[in-house]
Amino acid sequence: GPQVDVHGGGSDLIFPHHESEIAQSESITGVRPFARIWAHVGMLRYRGEKMSKSLKNLVLVRDLLGRYDADSIRVLLLRHHYRESWDYTPEQLDDAAAWTGRLRESAGRAATATADRAAAVFAALDDDLDTPRALRLLEESIQSGAGDWRAAADVLGLRLGDDRMAVSETKKALGWRAPFS
């Protein structure tokens, strides 16, 4: 249609690509704004360069799953705000895996009681998708033993318990190959 609800892309596309798209669409349709919400993500860099297919420097999730569980990979990504550009290093993933392991151990001992802490996690996500803050609140909830940490973990896509799939099961469940591999 003449207007979209959410339009996204990399922060490197704001000018001139998205501004040109706005000018063209609004002048043709007469509908303003062209997009109600713009979501621009930061650049992910690897070894000092933007990670991209054309540079052939992609780090693929399916390759990481050979060494790390899905929760650890999610934690690494959730530690960064979506608009933040950052450099990926294997050491960051090692740290995320260690943190996830500690959180998983704590979760095994935590109770599931009130929804107060889960509400705080949801509020963080509602505040410009503040995933780093949501992770901190989840950790506090689990370590304090109070709050509905399971609901908070679920909304972040973290299993943190015995119900999580083993790495081999996760790889089997993915069962797909990226078109550029």
Foldseek 3Di string as FASTA:
>chain_A
DLAEAEDEEAPVCVPPNVVVVQVVSCVVPVDPRRYNYYYHFYFEAEPPHGDDLVVVRDDDPLVCLVPAAPQLVLQLVLLDQRRDYDYDDVVSSVVSRVVLVVLLVLQVVADEDAAVLLVVLVVCCVVSHNSNVSVVSLSVCSNVSYHRSCNSCVVSVHDSYPPGDRSVVVSVVVVDDPPSD
